[in-house]
Structures are given as C-alpha cells and as structure tokens.
Amino acid sequence: MTQRLHLVFGGELTNPSKNVFKNVDDLHIVGIYPDYESAHHAWKAEAQRTVDNAHMRYFIAHLHRLRDEETPASPTEELG
C-alpha cells in the first residue's frame, strides 16, 4: 500500500488576500497524517477554531508529492 503523507499547518497572514505569513517562526504545525481524509479533518478543526481571526489560515501540504517529482501538480497547487 502506498503511503500518502499530508502535513497540516497554519499561521497568521500579513494580508487575508495573500498567502504570506506574518512570522514563519510562529507557524502552527498541527501534524502529519497518513491520508488526506484525516488531514482534512485536522485542517477543518483548526480552521473552525480560528474562524474569528480573518488573518489565520491553515493549509494541507501533500508531502507524498515531494517524493515523486513525476506527479503533476493539482489545479489548487497552481494558485498563487
């Protein structure tokens, strides 16, 4: 079975319309998860916990794609 690791992390952005962190030293590493479903569950919990702060954002990084350079990027990865 192929392992597809996902990292959930977040932090305060400089501007809610951009993906630039205010201070990368203050990033919140939620954890590394063995599949997208559990990563999404953790992401959703953190996003809902910080919903009152418009500058806070959480992300799911597909760590398994870092190991396979041949895998094409998804459309969401191309957003920038």
C-alpha atoms as a PDB file:
ATOM      1  CA  MET A   1       0.000   0.000   0.000  1.00  0.00           C
ATOM      2  CA  THR A   2       1.341   3.410  -0.978  1.00  0.00           C
ATOM      3  CA  GLN A   3       1.680   5.893   1.853  1.00  0.00           C
ATOM      4  CA  ARG A   4       0.436   9.407   1.110  1.00  0.00           C
ATOM      5  CA  LEU A   5       1.579  11.709   3.916  1.00  0.00           C
ATOM      6  CA  HIS A   6      -0.042  15.120   4.456  1.00  0.00           C
ATOM      7  CA  LEU A   7       1.161  17.998   6.633  1.00  0.00           C
ATOM      8  CA  VAL A   8      -1.388  20.344   8.232  1.00  0.00           C
ATOM      9  CA  PHE A   9      -0.007  23.734   9.248  1.00  0.00           C
ATOM     10  CA  GLY A  10      -1.081  27.333   9.545  1.00  0.00           C
ATOM     11  CA  GLY A  11      -0.391  30.765  10.851  1.00  0.00           C
ATOM     12  CA  GLU A  12      -1.220  34.421  10.699  1.00  0.00           C
ATOM     13  CA  LEU A  13      -1.036  36.053   7.276  1.00  0.00           C
ATOM     14  CA  THR A  14       0.163  39.595   6.570  1.00  0.00           C
ATOM     15  CA  ASN A  15      -2.942  40.170   4.453  1.00  0.00           C
ATOM     16  CA  PRO A  16      -6.016  37.899   4.239  1.00  0.00           C
ATOM     17  CA  SER A  17      -5.938  38.068   0.429  1.00  0.00           C
ATOM     18  CA  LYS A  18      -2.352  36.737   0.154  1.00  0.00           C
ATOM     19  CA  ASN A  19      -0.601  33.566   1.299  1.00  0.00           C
ATOM     20  CA  VAL A  20       2.311  35.332   3.029  1.00  0.00           C
ATOM     21  CA  PHE A  21       2.865  34.513   6.683  1.00  0.00           C
ATOM     22  CA  LYS A  22       3.419  37.343   9.141  1.00  0.00           C
ATOM     23  CA  ASN A  23       6.096  35.387  11.023  1.00  0.00           C
ATOM     24  CA  VAL A  24       7.213  31.933   9.895  1.00  0.00           C
ATOM     25  CA  ASP A  25       8.726  31.308  13.332  1.00  0.00           C
ATOM     26  CA  ASP A  26       5.169  31.305  14.710  1.00  0.00           C
ATOM     27  CA  LEU A  27       3.737  28.712  12.314  1.00  0.00           C
ATOM     28  CA  HIS A  28       1.463  26.185  13.971  1.00  0.00           C
ATOM     29  CA  ILE A  29       2.341  22.657  12.894  1.00  0.00           C
ATOM     30  CA  VAL A  30      -0.821  20.658  13.523  1.00  0.00           C
ATOM     31  CA  GLY A  31       0.666  17.340  12.431  1.00  0.00           C
ATOM     32  CA  ILE A  32       1.484  14.832   9.730  1.00  0.00           C
ATOM     33  CA  TYR A  33      -1.301  12.470   8.668  1.00  0.00           C
ATOM     34  CA  PRO A  34      -1.247   9.192   6.737  1.00  0.00           C
ATOM     35  CA  ASP A  35      -4.096  10.093   4.379  1.00  0.00           C
ATOM     36  CA  TYR A  36      -5.989  13.080   3.036  1.00  0.00           C
ATOM     37  CA  GLU A  37      -9.168  12.293   4.963  1.00  0.00           C
ATOM     38  CA  SER A  38      -7.527  12.519   8.387  1.00  0.00           C
ATOM     39  CA  ALA A  39      -5.520  15.587   7.312  1.00  0.00           C
ATOM     40  CA  HIS A  40      -8.706  17.276   6.131  1.00  0.00           C
ATOM     41  CA  HIS A  41     -10.387  16.507   9.458  1.00  0.00           C
ATOM     42  CA  ALA A  42      -7.465  18.121  11.367  1.00  0.00           C
ATOM     43  CA  TRP A  43      -7.388  21.109   8.973  1.00  0.00           C
ATOM     44  CA  LYS A  44     -11.127  21.679   9.379  1.00  0.00           C
ATOM     45  CA  ALA A  45     -10.898  21.567  13.178  1.00  0.00           C
ATOM     46  CA  GLU A  46      -8.118  24.194  13.235  1.00  0.00           C
ATOM     47  CA  ALA A  47      -9.811  26.379  10.617  1.00  0.00           C
ATOM     48  CA  GLN A  48     -13.046  26.360  12.620  1.00  0.00           C
ATOM     49  CA  ARG A  49     -11.185  27.024  15.880  1.00  0.00           C
ATOM     50  CA  THR A  50      -9.656  30.207  14.399  1.00  0.00           C
ATOM     51  CA  VAL A  51     -12.629  31.319  12.289  1.00  0.00           C
ATOM     52  CA  ASP A  52     -12.914  34.654  14.145  1.00  0.00           C
ATOM     53  CA  ASN A  53      -9.409  35.728  13.030  1.00  0.00           C
ATOM     54  CA  ALA A  54      -9.523  36.653   9.330  1.00  0.00           C
ATOM     55  CA  HIS A  55      -5.708  36.615   9.154  1.00  0.00           C
ATOM     56  CA  MET A  56      -5.344  32.988  10.288  1.00  0.00           C
ATOM     57  CA  ARG A  57      -5.111  30.316   7.589  1.00  0.00           C
ATOM     58  CA  TYR A  58      -4.435  26.614   7.674  1.00  0.00           C
ATOM     59  CA  PHE A  59      -3.170  24.528   4.778  1.00  0.00           C
ATOM     60  CA  ILE A  60      -2.730  20.900   3.796  1.00  0.00           C
ATOM     61  CA  ALA A  61       0.620  20.109   2.156  1.00  0.00           C
ATOM     62  CA  HIS A  62       0.811  16.891   0.146  1.00  0.00           C
ATOM     63  CA  LEU A  63       4.158  15.579   1.394  1.00  0.00           C
ATOM     64  CA  HIS A  64       3.944  12.467  -0.757  1.00  0.00           C
ATOM     65  CA  ARG A  65       4.256  14.677  -3.844  1.00  0.00           C
ATOM     66  CA  LEU A  66       7.638  15.898  -2.669  1.00  0.00           C
ATOM     67  CA  ARG A  67       8.898  12.337  -3.065  1.00  0.00           C
ATOM     68  CA  ASP A  68       7.558  11.907  -6.602  1.00  0.00           C
ATOM     69  CA  GLU A  69       8.632  14.668  -8.954  1.00  0.00           C
ATOM     70  CA  GLU A  70       6.835  12.953 -11.840  1.00  0.00           C
ATOM     71  CA  THR A  71       3.371  13.518 -10.323  1.00  0.00           C
ATOM     72  CA  PRO A  72       1.743  16.570 -11.930  1.00  0.00           C
ATOM     73  CA  ALA A  73       0.531  19.379  -9.691  1.00  0.00           C
ATOM     74  CA  SER A  74      -3.163  19.700  -8.995  1.00  0.00           C
ATOM     75  CA  PRO A  75      -5.026  22.860 -10.100  1.00  0.00           C
ATOM     76  CA  THR A  76      -5.099  24.148  -6.486  1.00  0.00           C
ATOM     77  CA  GLU A  77      -1.316  23.980  -6.270  1.00  0.00           C
ATOM     78  CA  GLU A  78      -1.045  26.313  -9.232  1.00  0.00           C
ATOM     79  CA  LEU A  79      -2.902  29.103  -7.428  1.00  0.00           C
ATOM     80  CA  GLY A  80      -0.559  31.695  -6.242  1.00  0.00           C
END
